Amino acid sequence: MDFEMLGTCKKLIANRAAEILSHKRGEKHVHPNDHVNRSQSSNDTFPTVMHIAAAMEINKRLVPNLKQLHTSLHSKRLFPIAEND
């Protein structure tokens, strides 16, 4: 595991949480280890961060693009579609 990346992820989350709470970045109102990790093992928190990021990107980019592809292919009738009675 890349511990430098893990530390960066925790700091980014802590800074964003501080912004949401109307504090400035880096003021340590939200501590990267104490608050973000809640003192859990990084072996638990890092994969969770990656899964959340992947799910967000799938919903934001992949699904809309697949829908657009489906619409485009359907409009061009590149594939015959069986009619349902």
Protein backbone atom coordinates (compact mmCIF):
# COMPACT_ATOMS: atom_id res chain seq x y z
CA MET A 1 0.00 0.00 0.00
CA ASP A 2 1.25 3.48 -0.83
CA PHE A 3 1.29 5.21 2.57
CA GLU A 4 2.01 8.61 1.02
CA MET A 5 -1.16 8.33 -1.05
CA LEU A 6 -3.09 7.18 2.01
CA GLY A 7 -1.93 10.20 3.99
CA THR A 8 -2.88 12.49 1.12
CA CYS A 9 -6.36 10.93 0.91
CA LYS A 10 -6.93 11.39 4.62
CA LYS A 11 -5.78 15.02 4.45
CA LEU A 12 -8.04 15.73 1.48
CA ILE A 13 -11.02 14.23 3.29
CA ALA A 14 -10.19 16.16 6.46
CA ASN A 15 -9.85 19.44 4.54
CA ARG A 16 -13.14 18.90 2.70
CA ALA A 17 -14.92 18.04 5.95
CA ALA A 18 -13.52 21.23 7.51
CA GLU A 19 -14.85 23.26 4.55
CA ILE A 20 -18.29 21.68 4.92
CA LEU A 21 -18.20 22.67 8.60
CA SER A 22 -17.37 26.27 7.57
CA HIS A 23 -13.74 26.14 8.67
CA LYS A 24 -10.65 26.90 6.61
CA ARG A 25 -8.49 24.19 5.11
CA GLY A 26 -5.59 23.11 7.27
CA GLU A 27 -6.98 24.49 10.55
CA LYS A 28 -7.07 20.93 11.92
CA HIS A 29 -10.69 21.13 13.06
CA VAL A 30 -10.96 17.75 11.39
CA HIS A 31 -7.86 15.67 12.05
CA PRO A 32 -6.82 13.23 9.29
CA ASN A 33 -6.16 10.31 11.64
CA ASP A 34 -8.33 10.98 14.68
CA HIS A 35 -11.47 12.04 12.79
CA VAL A 36 -11.14 10.61 9.28
CA ASN A 37 -9.73 7.22 10.22
CA ARG A 38 -11.37 7.20 13.64
CA SER A 39 -8.17 5.38 14.65
CA GLN A 40 -9.08 2.42 12.43
CA SER A 41 -6.49 0.50 10.53
CA SER A 42 -5.56 2.04 7.19
CA ASN A 43 -6.06 -1.44 5.75
CA ASP A 44 -9.78 -0.87 6.35
CA THR A 45 -10.17 2.77 5.42
CA PHE A 46 -8.08 2.99 2.24
CA PRO A 47 -10.02 0.33 0.29
CA THR A 48 -13.25 1.99 1.40
CA VAL A 49 -12.09 5.34 0.02
CA MET A 50 -11.20 3.69 -3.28
CA HIS A 51 -14.56 1.90 -3.50
CA ILE A 52 -16.46 5.12 -2.84
CA ALA A 53 -14.41 6.97 -5.47
CA ALA A 54 -14.99 4.19 -8.01
CA ALA A 55 -18.74 4.12 -7.34
CA MET A 56 -18.97 7.89 -7.72
CA GLU A 57 -17.12 7.84 -11.05
CA ILE A 58 -19.24 4.95 -12.33
CA ASN A 59 -22.42 6.86 -11.54
CA LYS A 60 -21.09 10.19 -12.78
CA ARG A 61 -19.36 9.12 -16.00
CA LEU A 62 -19.80 5.48 -16.98
CA VAL A 63 -23.57 5.10 -16.59
CA PRO A 64 -24.45 8.30 -18.50
CA ASN A 65 -22.04 7.36 -21.30
CA LEU A 66 -23.46 3.85 -21.53
CA LYS A 67 -26.96 5.32 -21.77
CA GLN A 68 -25.81 7.64 -24.55
CA LEU A 69 -24.17 4.73 -26.37
CA HIS A 70 -27.35 2.67 -26.03
CA THR A 71 -29.47 5.52 -27.42
CA SER A 72 -27.06 6.08 -30.29
CA LEU A 73 -26.94 2.39 -31.23
CA HIS A 74 -30.69 2.08 -30.92
CA SER A 75 -31.31 5.10 -33.15
CA LYS A 76 -28.97 3.76 -35.85
CA ARG A 77 -30.52 0.31 -35.63
CA LEU A 78 -27.14 -1.33 -35.97
CA PHE A 79 -28.51 -4.34 -34.17
CA PRO A 80 -31.90 -5.83 -35.03
CA ILE A 81 -34.31 -5.57 -32.13
CA ALA A 82 -36.98 -8.21 -31.71
CA GLU A 83 -40.48 -6.80 -31.48
CA ASN A 84 -42.46 -7.88 -28.44
CA ASP A 85 -46.16 -8.63 -29.00
